[in-house]
C-alpha atoms as a PDB file:
ATOM      1  CA  MET A   1      11.610  12.123  -5.054  1.00  0.00           C
ATOM      2  CA  ASP A   2      11.297   8.758  -6.363  1.00  0.00           C
ATOM      3  CA  LEU A   3       7.935   6.754  -6.811  1.00  0.00           C
ATOM      4  CA  LYS A   4       9.135   4.486  -4.451  1.00  0.00           C
ATOM      5  CA  GLU A   5       9.432   7.300  -1.852  1.00  0.00           C
ATOM      6  CA  LYS A   6       6.368   9.042  -3.320  1.00  0.00           C
ATOM      7  CA  VAL A   7       3.967   5.989  -2.719  1.00  0.00           C
ATOM      8  CA  ALA A   8       5.469   5.466   0.964  1.00  0.00           C
ATOM      9  CA  THR A   9       4.903   9.094   2.136  1.00  0.00           C
ATOM     10  CA  ILE A  10       1.461   8.868   0.896  1.00  0.00           C
ATOM     11  CA  LEU A  11       0.487   5.335   2.775  1.00  0.00           C
ATOM     12  CA  ARG A  12       2.222   6.187   5.532  1.00  0.00           C
ATOM     13  CA  SER A  13       0.279   9.591   6.089  1.00  0.00           C
ATOM     14  CA  ALA A  14      -3.044   8.011   5.402  1.00  0.00           C
ATOM     15  CA  PHE A  15      -2.806   4.906   7.293  1.00  0.00           C
ATOM     16  CA  GLN A  16       0.203   5.229  10.072  1.00  0.00           C
ATOM     17  CA  PRO A  17       0.344   1.080   9.585  1.00  0.00           C
ATOM     18  CA  ASP A  18       2.907  -1.254  11.313  1.00  0.00           C
ATOM     19  CA  ALA A  19       4.740  -1.820   8.928  1.00  0.00           C
ATOM     20  CA  LEU A  20       5.152  -0.460   5.379  1.00  0.00           C
ATOM     21  CA  VAL A  21       7.237  -2.868   2.632  1.00  0.00           C
ATOM     22  CA  LEU A  22       7.887  -1.755  -1.326  1.00  0.00           C
ATOM     23  CA  ASP A  23      10.132  -3.490  -4.307  1.00  0.00           C
ATOM     24  CA  ASP A  24      10.794  -1.162  -7.304  1.00  0.00           C
ATOM     25  CA  SER A  25      11.719  -3.494  -9.533  1.00  0.00           C
ATOM     26  CA  ASP A  26      10.287  -3.909 -12.904  1.00  0.00           C
ATOM     27  CA  GLY A  27       6.803  -2.029 -11.473  1.00  0.00           C
ATOM     28  CA  LEU A  28       6.393  -0.939  -7.834  1.00  0.00           C
ATOM     29  CA  SER A  29       4.930  -4.019  -5.369  1.00  0.00           C
ATOM     30  CA  GLY A  30       4.489  -4.937  -1.292  1.00  0.00           C
ATOM     31  CA  TYR A  31       2.541  -4.956   1.559  1.00  0.00           C
ATOM     32  CA  ILE A  32       0.874  -2.519   3.839  1.00  0.00           C
ATOM     33  CA  THR A  33       0.078  -3.962   7.480  1.00  0.00           C
ATOM     34  CA  TYR A  34      -2.191  -1.965   9.202  1.00  0.00           C
ATOM     35  CA  ALA A  35      -4.703  -3.486  11.972  1.00  0.00           C
ATOM     36  CA  LYS A  36      -7.272  -0.475  11.158  1.00  0.00           C
ATOM     37  CA  PHE A  37      -7.940  -3.768   8.151  1.00  0.00           C
ATOM     38  CA  ARG A  38      -9.593  -6.211  10.331  1.00  0.00           C
ATOM     39  CA  GLY A  39     -12.690  -5.972  10.009  1.00  0.00           C
ATOM     40  CA  PHE A  40     -12.900  -5.345   6.260  1.00  0.00           C
ATOM     41  CA  ASP A  41     -12.032  -7.892   3.271  1.00  0.00           C
ATOM     42  CA  SER A  42      -9.316  -7.937   1.189  1.00  0.00           C
ATOM     43  CA  LEU A  43     -11.693  -6.245  -2.119  1.00  0.00           C
ATOM     44  CA  ASP A  44     -12.729  -3.159   0.519  1.00  0.00           C
ATOM     45  CA  ARG A  45      -8.935  -2.704   1.733  1.00  0.00           C
ATOM     46  CA  GLN A  46      -7.327  -2.219  -2.161  1.00  0.00           C
ATOM     47  CA  LYS A  47     -10.180   0.033  -2.456  1.00  0.00           C
ATOM     48  CA  MET A  48      -8.814   2.112   0.275  1.00  0.00           C
ATOM     49  CA  LEU A  49      -5.473   2.206  -0.671  1.00  0.00           C
ATOM     50  CA  ASP A  50      -6.596   2.826  -4.488  1.00  0.00           C
ATOM     51  CA  LYS A  51      -8.777   5.805  -3.148  1.00  0.00           C
ATOM     52  CA  VAL A  52      -6.143   7.105  -0.747  1.00  0.00           C
ATOM     53  CA  LEU A  53      -2.927   6.601  -4.369  1.00  0.00           C
ATOM     54  CA  ARG A  54      -5.926   7.902  -7.050  1.00  0.00           C
ATOM     55  CA  ALA A  55      -7.435  11.158  -4.790  1.00  0.00           C
ATOM     56  CA  THR A  56      -5.706  14.636  -6.698  1.00  0.00           C
ATOM     57  CA  ASP A  57      -3.815  16.130  -3.616  1.00  0.00           C
ATOM     58  CA  SER A  58      -1.743  13.119  -3.914  1.00  0.00           C
ATOM     59  CA  GLY A  59       0.797  14.048  -6.449  1.00  0.00           C
ATOM     60  CA  LEU A  60       0.615  10.795  -8.346  1.00  0.00           C
ATOM     61  CA  THR A  61       0.605  10.933 -12.308  1.00  0.00           C
ATOM     62  CA  LYS A  62      -1.323   8.559 -14.353  1.00  0.00           C
ATOM     63  CA  PRO A  63       2.325   6.870 -15.778  1.00  0.00           C
ATOM     64  CA  GLU A  64       3.153   6.635 -11.994  1.00  0.00           C
ATOM     65  CA  LEU A  65       0.184   4.840 -10.834  1.00  0.00           C
ATOM     66  CA  ARG A  66       0.226   2.815 -13.603  1.00  0.00           C
ATOM     67  CA  GLU A  67       3.850   1.686 -11.940  1.00  0.00           C
ATOM     68  CA  ILE A  68       2.434   0.425  -8.980  1.00  0.00           C
ATOM     69  CA  LEU A  69       1.148  -2.940  -9.287  1.00  0.00           C
ATOM     70  CA  VAL A  70       0.542  -4.876  -6.619  1.00  0.00           C
ATOM     71  CA  ILE A  71       0.841  -3.458  -2.599  1.00  0.00           C
ATOM     72  CA  ALA A  72      -0.942  -6.446  -0.588  1.00  0.00           C
ATOM     73  CA  ALA A  73      -3.377  -4.944   2.495  1.00  0.00           C
ATOM     74  CA  LEU A  74      -2.583  -7.121   5.481  1.00  0.00           C
ATOM     75  CA  THR A  75      -3.804  -6.988   9.094  1.00  0.00           C
ATOM     76  CA  PRO A  76      -0.554  -8.313  11.407  1.00  0.00           C
ATOM     77  CA  GLU A  77      -2.363 -11.467  12.279  1.00  0.00           C
ATOM     78  CA  GLU A  78      -2.425 -11.847   8.261  1.00  0.00           C
ATOM     79  CA  GLN A  79       1.598 -10.681   7.960  1.00  0.00           C
ATOM     80  CA  ALA A  80       2.755 -12.997  10.751  1.00  0.00           C
ATOM     81  CA  LEU A  81       1.287 -16.042   8.802  1.00  0.00           C
ATOM     82  CA  HIS A  82       3.064 -14.931   5.856  1.00  0.00           C
ATOM     83  CA  THR A  83       6.174 -14.426   7.744  1.00  0.00           C
ATOM     84  CA  ALA A  84       6.080 -17.388   9.128  1.00  0.00           C
ATOM     85  CA  GLU A  85       6.325 -19.645   6.616  1.00  0.00           C
END
């Protein structure tokens, strides 16, 4: 399983997101859309993602974690604003 698939599996299991889009060109980046991110500021959302990805049971190695550049954590409303642009 490649890194993109591993991360997608981990995030889907932890959050059951409304949408998850990942791109693995020159490092892993993308976004996760999840209604339950409402009420959390962006730093708290990133901490939530980081905690899940860095958990020992995630199975991600330190080199794999270094390949994850950015995964934006969005509410459905925020995603709709970005999609409309």
